[in-house]
């Protein structure tokens, strides 16, 4: 939704899984915040990438309307350069 691309029922499954995690653990899976040099959407995309890794399909990523707002041409985030991978 952040990138404004086509989506299907898999987005609902993703949302459901995130909600289940939060209900079971009592913690937010992603709790994005605005920084001095980036917005909440930038942070949300970074948090997702820190958890599941970079998008395996650059062409899929580039097909989204707002790709250029958040990503460089190589698929790296524009405003958040240092990611800190973490695991559930």
PDB file of N, CA and C in Angstrom:
ATOM      1  N   UNK A   1       0.817  -1.184   0.000  1.00  0.00           N
ATOM      2  CA  UNK A   1       0.000   0.000   0.000  1.00  0.00           C
ATOM      3  C   UNK A   1       0.870   1.260   0.000  1.00  0.00           C
ATOM      4  N   UNK A   2       1.990   1.206   0.682  1.00  0.00           N
ATOM      5  CA  UNK A   2       2.873   2.378   0.733  1.00  0.00           C
ATOM      6  C   UNK A   2       3.354   2.729  -0.665  1.00  0.00           C
ATOM      7  N   UNK A   3       3.661   1.719  -1.466  1.00  0.00           N
ATOM      8  CA  UNK A   3       4.210   1.944  -2.807  1.00  0.00           C
ATOM      9  C   UNK A   3       3.141   2.135  -3.873  1.00  0.00           C
ATOM     10  N   UNK A   4       1.876   1.944  -3.503  1.00  0.00           N
ATOM     11  CA  UNK A   4       0.731   2.106  -4.404  1.00  0.00           C
ATOM     12  C   UNK A   4       0.835   1.240  -5.658  1.00  0.00           C
ATOM     13  N   UNK A   5       1.019  -0.024  -5.455  1.00  0.00           N
ATOM     14  CA  UNK A   5       1.048  -0.965  -6.570  1.00  0.00           C
ATOM     15  C   UNK A   5      -0.156  -1.879  -6.518  1.00  0.00           C
ATOM     16  N   UNK A   6      -0.239  -2.742  -7.492  1.00  0.00           N
ATOM     17  CA  UNK A   6      -1.305  -3.729  -7.498  1.00  0.00           C
ATOM     18  C   UNK A   6      -1.105  -4.681  -6.320  1.00  0.00           C
ATOM     19  N   UNK A   7      -2.192  -5.129  -5.761  1.00  0.00           N
ATOM     20  CA  UNK A   7      -2.114  -6.103  -4.690  1.00  0.00           C
ATOM     21  C   UNK A   7      -3.303  -7.052  -4.783  1.00  0.00           C
ATOM     22  N   UNK A   8      -3.181  -8.170  -4.094  1.00  0.00           N
ATOM     23  CA  UNK A   8      -4.248  -9.167  -4.116  1.00  0.00           C
ATOM     24  C   UNK A   8      -4.465  -9.688  -2.695  1.00  0.00           C
ATOM     25  N   UNK A   9      -5.080 -10.854  -2.591  1.00  0.00           N
ATOM     26  CA  UNK A   9      -5.396 -11.404  -1.274  1.00  0.00           C
ATOM     27  C   UNK A   9      -4.160 -11.710  -0.433  1.00  0.00           C
ATOM     28  N   UNK A  10      -3.000 -11.800  -1.048  1.00  0.00           N
ATOM     29  CA  UNK A  10      -1.788 -12.047  -0.256  1.00  0.00           C
ATOM     30  C   UNK A  10      -1.499 -10.875   0.687  1.00  0.00           C
ATOM     31  N   UNK A  11      -1.924  -9.669   0.328  1.00  0.00           N
ATOM     32  CA  UNK A  11      -1.766  -8.516   1.226  1.00  0.00           C
ATOM     33  C   UNK A  11      -2.630  -8.698   2.474  1.00  0.00           C
ATOM     34  N   UNK A  12      -3.808  -9.284   2.310  1.00  0.00           N
ATOM     35  CA  UNK A  12      -4.671  -9.559   3.454  1.00  0.00           C
ATOM     36  C   UNK A  12      -4.045 -10.614   4.358  1.00  0.00           C
ATOM     37  N   UNK A  13      -3.429 -11.605   3.764  1.00  0.00           N
ATOM     38  CA  UNK A  13      -2.765 -12.644   4.538  1.00  0.00           C
ATOM     39  C   UNK A  13      -1.597 -12.060   5.332  1.00  0.00           C
ATOM     40  N   UNK A  14      -0.823 -11.178   4.701  1.00  0.00           N
ATOM     41  CA  UNK A  14       0.280 -10.493   5.375  1.00  0.00           C
ATOM     42  C   UNK A  14      -0.260  -9.696   6.564  1.00  0.00           C
ATOM     43  N   UNK A  15      -1.313  -8.923   6.355  1.00  0.00           N
ATOM     44  CA  UNK A  15      -1.895  -8.117   7.432  1.00  0.00           C
ATOM     45  C   UNK A  15      -2.406  -8.999   8.566  1.00  0.00           C
ATOM     46  N   UNK A  16      -3.052 -10.090   8.199  1.00  0.00           N
ATOM     47  CA  UNK A  16      -3.564 -11.019   9.201  1.00  0.00           C
ATOM     48  C   UNK A  16      -2.420 -11.605  10.034  1.00  0.00           C
ATOM     49  N   UNK A  17      -1.359 -12.010   9.378  1.00  0.00           N
ATOM     50  CA  UNK A  17      -0.212 -12.585  10.080  1.00  0.00           C
ATOM     51  C   UNK A  17       0.417 -11.556  11.030  1.00  0.00           C
ATOM     52  N   UNK A  18       0.523 -10.313  10.580  1.00  0.00           N
ATOM     53  CA  UNK A  18       1.073  -9.257  11.445  1.00  0.00           C
ATOM     54  C   UNK A  18       0.181  -9.051  12.669  1.00  0.00           C
ATOM     55  N   UNK A  19      -1.135  -9.033  12.455  1.00  0.00           N
ATOM     56  CA  UNK A  19      -2.066  -8.877  13.580  1.00  0.00           C
ATOM     57  C   UNK A  19      -1.982 -10.047  14.549  1.00  0.00           C
ATOM     58  N   UNK A  20      -1.860 -11.249  14.018  1.00  0.00           N
ATOM     59  CA  UNK A  20      -1.755 -12.429  14.885  1.00  0.00           C
ATOM     60  C   UNK A  20      -0.504 -12.354  15.752  1.00  0.00           C
ATOM     61  N   UNK A  21       0.612 -11.957  15.154  1.00  0.00           N
ATOM     62  CA  UNK A  21       1.848 -11.784  15.914  1.00  0.00           C
ATOM     63  C   UNK A  21       1.621 -10.802  17.063  1.00  0.00           C
ATOM     64  N   UNK A  22       0.994  -9.672  16.751  1.00  0.00           N
ATOM     65  CA  UNK A  22       0.777  -8.633  17.749  1.00  0.00           C
ATOM     66  C   UNK A  22      -0.185  -9.086  18.843  1.00  0.00           C
ATOM     67  N   UNK A  23      -1.229  -9.828  18.476  1.00  0.00           N
ATOM     68  CA  UNK A  23      -2.172 -10.326  19.483  1.00  0.00           C
ATOM     69  C   UNK A  23      -1.527 -11.363  20.395  1.00  0.00           C
ATOM     70  N   UNK A  24      -0.711 -12.213  19.831  1.00  0.00           N
ATOM     71  CA  UNK A  24      -0.068 -13.279  20.608  1.00  0.00           C
ATOM     72  C   UNK A  24       1.031 -12.740  21.520  1.00  0.00           C
ATOM     73  N   UNK A  25       1.836 -11.822  20.995  1.00  0.00           N
ATOM     74  CA  UNK A  25       2.988 -11.337  21.766  1.00  0.00           C
ATOM     75  C   UNK A  25       2.687 -10.091  22.597  1.00  0.00           C
ATOM     76  N   UNK A  26       1.684  -9.340  22.193  1.00  0.00           N
ATOM     77  CA  UNK A  26       1.408  -8.073  22.869  1.00  0.00           C
ATOM     78  C   UNK A  26       2.347  -6.963  22.440  1.00  0.00           C
ATOM     79  N   UNK A  27       3.177  -7.217  21.446  1.00  0.00           N
ATOM     80  CA  UNK A  27       4.124  -6.221  20.911  1.00  0.00           C
ATOM     81  C   UNK A  27       3.759  -5.883  19.472  1.00  0.00           C
ATOM     82  N   UNK A  28       4.143  -4.681  19.052  1.00  0.00           N
ATOM     83  CA  UNK A  28       3.996  -4.330  17.641  1.00  0.00           C
ATOM     84  C   UNK A  28       5.056  -5.083  16.844  1.00  0.00           C
ATOM     85  N   UNK A  29       4.679  -5.602  15.706  1.00  0.00           N
ATOM     86  CA  UNK A  29       5.666  -6.209  14.820  1.00  0.00           C
ATOM     87  C   UNK A  29       6.494  -5.113  14.167  1.00  0.00           C
ATOM     88  N   UNK A  30       5.804  -4.097  13.690  1.00  0.00           N
ATOM     89  CA  UNK A  30       6.465  -2.913  13.115  1.00  0.00           C
ATOM     90  C   UNK A  30       5.872  -1.694  13.813  1.00  0.00           C
ATOM     91  N   UNK A  31       6.733  -0.819  14.290  1.00  0.00           N
ATOM     92  CA  UNK A  31       6.287   0.414  14.930  1.00  0.00           C
ATOM     93  C   UNK A  31       7.099   1.568  14.342  1.00  0.00           C
ATOM     94  N   UNK A  32       6.779   1.936  13.086  1.00  0.00           N
ATOM     95  CA  UNK A  32       7.586   2.955  12.412  1.00  0.00           C
ATOM     96  C   UNK A  32       7.452   4.324  13.064  1.00  0.00           C
ATOM     97  N   UNK A  33       8.528   5.083  12.971  1.00  0.00           N
ATOM     98  CA  UNK A  33       8.514   6.440  13.498  1.00  0.00           C
ATOM     99  C   UNK A  33       9.217   7.368  12.505  1.00  0.00           C
ATOM    100  N   UNK A  34       8.882   8.630  12.596  1.00  0.00           N
ATOM    101  CA  UNK A  34       9.476   9.650  11.746  1.00  0.00           C
ATOM    102  C   UNK A  34      10.807  10.083  12.352  1.00  0.00           C
ATOM    103  N   UNK A  35      11.784  10.291  11.497  1.00  0.00           N
ATOM    104  CA  UNK A  35      13.086  10.775  11.948  1.00  0.00           C
ATOM    105  C   UNK A  35      13.357  12.154  11.376  1.00  0.00           C
ATOM    106  N   UNK A  36      14.552  12.671  11.619  1.00  0.00           N
ATOM    107  CA  UNK A  36      14.918  13.990  11.103  1.00  0.00           C
ATOM    108  C   UNK A  36      15.043  14.002   9.587  1.00  0.00           C
ATOM    109  N   UNK A  37      15.486  12.878   9.017  1.00  0.00           N
ATOM    110  CA  UNK A  37      15.751  12.833   7.576  1.00  0.00           C
ATOM    111  C   UNK A  37      14.859  11.850   6.824  1.00  0.00           C
ATOM    112  N   UNK A  38      13.890  11.244   7.507  1.00  0.00           N
ATOM    113  CA  UNK A  38      13.018  10.278   6.851  1.00  0.00           C
ATOM    114  C   UNK A  38      11.638  10.275   7.503  1.00  0.00           C
ATOM    115  N   UNK A  39      10.648   9.820   6.750  1.00  0.00           N
ATOM    116  CA  UNK A  39       9.278   9.766   7.238  1.00  0.00           C
ATOM    117  C   UNK A  39       8.909   8.387   7.762  1.00  0.00           C
ATOM    118  N   UNK A  40       7.681   8.265   8.275  1.00  0.00           N
ATOM    119  CA  UNK A  40       7.208   6.994   8.827  1.00  0.00           C
ATOM    120  C   UNK A  40       7.166   5.904   7.766  1.00  0.00           C
ATOM    121  N   UNK A  41       6.771   6.251   6.533  1.00  0.00           N
ATOM    122  CA  UNK A  41       6.729   5.238   5.474  1.00  0.00           C
ATOM    123  C   UNK A  41       8.122   4.719   5.140  1.00  0.00           C
ATOM    124  N   UNK A  42       9.107   5.626   5.132  1.00  0.00           N
ATOM    125  CA  UNK A  42      10.494   5.192   4.904  1.00  0.00           C
ATOM    126  C   UNK A  42      10.910   4.202   5.990  1.00  0.00           C
ATOM    127  N   UNK A  43      10.599   4.528   7.237  1.00  0.00           N
ATOM    128  CA  UNK A  43      10.966   3.662   8.350  1.00  0.00           C
ATOM    129  C   UNK A  43      10.212   2.338   8.287  1.00  0.00           C
ATOM    130  N   UNK A  44       8.945   2.378   7.902  1.00  0.00           N
ATOM    131  CA  UNK A  44       8.156   1.145   7.800  1.00  0.00           C
ATOM    132  C   UNK A  44       8.754   0.208   6.754  1.00  0.00           C
ATOM    133  N   UNK A  45       9.121   0.733   5.596  1.00  0.00           N
ATOM    134  CA  UNK A  45       9.755  -0.092   4.564  1.00  0.00           C
ATOM    135  C   UNK A  45      11.091  -0.654   5.054  1.00  0.00           C
ATOM    136  N   UNK A  46      11.841   0.159   5.792  1.00  0.00           N
ATOM    137  CA  UNK A  46      13.127  -0.301   6.330  1.00  0.00           C
ATOM    138  C   UNK A  46      12.917  -1.415   7.359  1.00  0.00           C
ATOM    139  N   UNK A  47      11.922  -1.268   8.226  1.00  0.00           N
ATOM    140  CA  UNK A  47      11.649  -2.298   9.234  1.00  0.00           C
ATOM    141  C   UNK A  47      11.268  -3.623   8.583  1.00  0.00           C
ATOM    142  N   UNK A  48      10.469  -3.556   7.533  1.00  0.00           N
ATOM    143  CA  UNK A  48      10.078  -4.769   6.817  1.00  0.00           C
ATOM    144  C   UNK A  48      11.311  -5.428   6.200  1.00  0.00           C
ATOM    145  N   UNK A  49      12.153  -4.615   5.566  1.00  0.00           N
ATOM    146  CA  UNK A  49      13.356  -5.158   4.938  1.00  0.00           C
ATOM    147  C   UNK A  49      14.333  -5.711   5.968  1.00  0.00           C
ATOM    148  N   UNK A  50      14.406  -5.091   7.135  1.00  0.00           N
ATOM    149  CA  UNK A  50      15.274  -5.611   8.188  1.00  0.00           C
ATOM    150  C   UNK A  50      14.811  -6.988   8.659  1.00  0.00           C
ATOM    151  N   UNK A  51      13.505  -7.226   8.645  1.00  0.00           N
ATOM    152  CA  UNK A  51      12.975  -8.506   9.107  1.00  0.00           C
ATOM    153  C   UNK A  51      13.024  -9.590   8.037  1.00  0.00           C
ATOM    154  N   UNK A  52      12.561  -9.279   6.821  1.00  0.00           N
ATOM    155  CA  UNK A  52      12.456 -10.338   5.805  1.00  0.00           C
ATOM    156  C   UNK A  52      13.507 -10.252   4.709  1.00  0.00           C
ATOM    157  N   UNK A  53      14.341  -9.219   4.739  1.00  0.00           N
ATOM    158  CA  UNK A  53      15.381  -9.064   3.726  1.00  0.00           C
ATOM    159  C   UNK A  53      14.909  -8.209   2.563  1.00  0.00           C
ATOM    160  N   UNK A  54      15.816  -7.913   1.649  1.00  0.00           N
ATOM    161  CA  UNK A  54      15.464  -7.076   0.500  1.00  0.00           C
ATOM    162  C   UNK A  54      14.506  -7.803  -0.445  1.00  0.00           C
ATOM    163  N   UNK A  55      13.791  -7.033  -1.198  1.00  0.00           N
ATOM    164  CA  UNK A  55      12.862  -7.594  -2.185  1.00  0.00           C
ATOM    165  C   UNK A  55      13.661  -8.382  -3.221  1.00  0.00           C
ATOM    166  N   UNK A  56      13.294  -9.632  -3.467  1.00  0.00           N
ATOM    167  CA  UNK A  56      14.051 -10.451  -4.414  1.00  0.00           C
ATOM    168  C   UNK A  56      13.826 -10.072  -5.879  1.00  0.00           C
ATOM    169  N   UNK A  57      12.808  -9.258  -6.157  1.00  0.00           N
ATOM    170  CA  UNK A  57      12.502  -8.897  -7.548  1.00  0.00           C
ATOM    171  C   UNK A  57      12.523  -7.380  -7.718  1.00  0.00           C
ATOM    172  N   UNK A  58      13.622  -6.879  -8.251  1.00  0.00           N
ATOM    173  CA  UNK A  58      13.733  -5.447  -8.499  1.00  0.00           C
ATOM    174  C   UNK A  58      12.698  -4.991  -9.523  1.00  0.00           C
ATOM    175  N   UNK A  59      12.414  -5.817 -10.515  1.00  0.00           N
ATOM    176  CA  UNK A  59      11.415  -5.431 -11.523  1.00  0.00           C
ATOM    177  C   UNK A  59      10.029  -5.298 -10.890  1.00  0.00           C
ATOM    178  N   UNK A  60       9.694  -6.183  -9.928  1.00  0.00           N
ATOM    179  CA  UNK A  60       8.409  -6.073  -9.227  1.00  0.00           C
ATOM    180  C   UNK A  60       8.365  -4.786  -8.422  1.00  0.00           C
ATOM    181  N   UNK A  61       9.450  -4.497  -7.717  1.00  0.00           N
ATOM    182  CA  UNK A  61       9.533  -3.286  -6.914  1.00  0.00           C
ATOM    183  C   UNK A  61       9.380  -2.043  -7.793  1.00  0.00           C
ATOM    184  N   UNK A  62      10.059  -2.041  -8.925  1.00  0.00           N
ATOM    185  CA  UNK A  62      10.003  -0.890  -9.834  1.00  0.00           C
ATOM    186  C   UNK A  62       8.643  -0.708 -10.492  1.00  0.00           C
ATOM    187  N   UNK A  63       7.818  -1.728 -10.489  1.00  0.00           N
ATOM    188  CA  UNK A  63       6.501  -1.624 -11.131  1.00  0.00           C
ATOM    189  C   UNK A  63       5.510  -0.805 -10.298  1.00  0.00           C
ATOM    190  N   UNK A  64       5.889  -0.426  -9.100  1.00  0.00           N
ATOM    191  CA  UNK A  64       4.991   0.317  -8.222  1.00  0.00           C
ATOM    192  C   UNK A  64       5.097   1.819  -8.450  1.00  0.00           C
ATOM    193  N   UNK A  65       3.962   2.464  -8.357  1.00  0.00           N
ATOM    194  CA  UNK A  65       3.831   3.897  -8.642  1.00  0.00           C
ATOM    195  C   UNK A  65       4.794   4.768  -7.836  1.00  0.00           C
ATOM    196  N   UNK A  66       5.024   4.426  -6.577  1.00  0.00           N
ATOM    197  CA  UNK A  66       5.848   5.283  -5.717  1.00  0.00           C
ATOM    198  C   UNK A  66       7.258   4.727  -5.472  1.00  0.00           C
ATOM    199  N   UNK A  67       7.705   3.838  -6.330  1.00  0.00           N
ATOM    200  CA  UNK A  67       9.053   3.272  -6.204  1.00  0.00           C
ATOM    201  C   UNK A  67      10.101   4.371  -6.081  1.00  0.00           C
ATOM    202  N   UNK A  68      10.075   5.339  -6.988  1.00  0.00           N
ATOM    203  CA  UNK A  68      11.116   6.370  -7.031  1.00  0.00           C
ATOM    204  C   UNK A  68      11.096   7.295  -5.825  1.00  0.00           C
ATOM    205  N   UNK A  69       9.983   7.355  -5.121  1.00  0.00           N
ATOM    206  CA  UNK A  69       9.915   8.196  -3.923  1.00  0.00           C
ATOM    207  C   UNK A  69      10.741   7.595  -2.785  1.00  0.00           C
ATOM    208  N   UNK A  70      10.779   6.267  -2.694  1.00  0.00           N
ATOM    209  CA  UNK A  70      11.414   5.603  -1.563  1.00  0.00           C
ATOM    210  C   UNK A  70      12.706   4.863  -1.894  1.00  0.00           C
ATOM    211  N   UNK A  71      12.910   4.520  -3.161  1.00  0.00           N
ATOM    212  CA  UNK A  71      14.048   3.668  -3.535  1.00  0.00           C
ATOM    213  C   UNK A  71      14.935   4.311  -4.591  1.00  0.00           C
ATOM    214  N   UNK A  72      16.219   3.944  -4.533  1.00  0.00           N
ATOM    215  CA  UNK A  72      17.143   4.276  -5.618  1.00  0.00           C
ATOM    216  C   UNK A  72      16.898   3.292  -6.756  1.00  0.00           C
ATOM    217  N   UNK A  73      17.475   3.545  -7.873  1.00  0.00           N
ATOM    218  CA  UNK A  73      17.287   2.694  -9.050  1.00  0.00           C
ATOM    219  C   UNK A  73      17.773   1.260  -8.817  1.00  0.00           C
ATOM    220  N   UNK A  74      18.713   1.078  -7.887  1.00  0.00           N
ATOM    221  CA  UNK A  74      19.251  -0.260  -7.604  1.00  0.00           C
ATOM    222  C   UNK A  74      18.426  -1.028  -6.570  1.00  0.00           C
ATOM    223  N   UNK A  75      17.336  -0.435  -6.081  1.00  0.00           N
ATOM    224  CA  UNK A  75      16.466  -1.106  -5.122  1.00  0.00           C
ATOM    225  C   UNK A  75      16.805  -0.847  -3.665  1.00  0.00           C
ATOM    226  N   UNK A  76      17.802  -0.006  -3.420  1.00  0.00           N
ATOM    227  CA  UNK A  76      18.157   0.353  -2.040  1.00  0.00           C
ATOM    228  C   UNK A  76      17.311   1.546  -1.600  1.00  0.00           C
ATOM    229  N   UNK A  77      16.959   1.574  -0.333  1.00  0.00           N
ATOM    230  CA  UNK A  77      16.181   2.688   0.196  1.00  0.00           C
ATOM    231  C   UNK A  77      16.949   3.999   0.056  1.00  0.00           C
ATOM    232  N   UNK A  78      16.242   5.072  -0.264  1.00  0.00           N
ATOM    233  CA  UNK A  78      16.890   6.372  -0.456  1.00  0.00           C
ATOM    234  C   UNK A  78      17.293   7.033   0.853  1.00  0.00           C
ATOM    235  N   UNK A  79      16.383   7.064   1.813  1.00  0.00           N
ATOM    236  CA  UNK A  79      16.597   7.892   2.992  1.00  0.00           C
ATOM    237  C   UNK A  79      17.162   7.148   4.196  1.00  0.00           C
ATOM    238  N   UNK A  80      17.104   5.823   4.195  1.00  0.00           N
ATOM    239  CA  UNK A  80      17.655   5.041   5.302  1.00  0.00           C
ATOM    240  C   UNK A  80      18.729   4.132   4.730  1.00  0.00           C
ATOM    241  N   UNK A  81      19.958   4.445   5.049  1.00  0.00           N
ATOM    242  CA  UNK A  81      21.078   3.752   4.417  1.00  0.00           C
ATOM    243  C   UNK A  81      21.575   2.550   5.213  1.00  0.00           C
ATOM    244  N   UNK A  82      21.503   2.611   6.528  1.00  0.00           N
ATOM    245  CA  UNK A  82      22.029   1.519   7.358  1.00  0.00           C
ATOM    246  C   UNK A  82      20.874   0.739   7.973  1.00  0.00           C
ATOM    247  N   UNK A  83      20.723  -0.504   7.524  1.00  0.00           N
ATOM    248  CA  UNK A  83      19.693  -1.378   8.061  1.00  0.00           C
ATOM    249  C   UNK A  83      20.292  -2.283   9.127  1.00  0.00           C
ATOM    250  N   UNK A  84      19.480  -2.632  10.105  1.00  0.00           N
ATOM    251  CA  UNK A  84      19.924  -3.524  11.187  1.00  0.00           C
ATOM    252  C   UNK A  84      19.034  -4.758  11.175  1.00  0.00           C
ATOM    253  N   UNK A  85      19.434  -5.794  10.438  1.00  0.00           N
ATOM    254  CA  UNK A  85      18.606  -7.001  10.362  1.00  0.00           C
ATOM    255  C   UNK A  85      18.306  -7.587  11.750  1.00  0.00           C
ATOM    256  N   UNK A  86      17.099  -8.102  11.900  1.00  0.00           N
ATOM    257  CA  UNK A  86      16.690  -8.737  13.147  1.00  0.00           C
ATOM    258  C   UNK A  86      15.791  -9.921  12.834  1.00  0.00           C
ATOM    259  N   UNK A  87      15.651 -10.791  13.797  1.00  0.00           N
ATOM    260  CA  UNK A  87      14.862 -11.990  13.627  1.00  0.00           C
ATOM    261  C   UNK A  87      13.778 -12.054  14.683  1.00  0.00           C
ATOM    262  N   UNK A  88      12.693 -12.713  14.350  1.00  0.00           N
ATOM    263  CA  UNK A  88      11.625 -12.901  15.326  1.00  0.00           C
ATOM    264  C   UNK A  88      12.132 -13.788  16.428  1.00  0.00           C
TER     265      UNK A  88
END
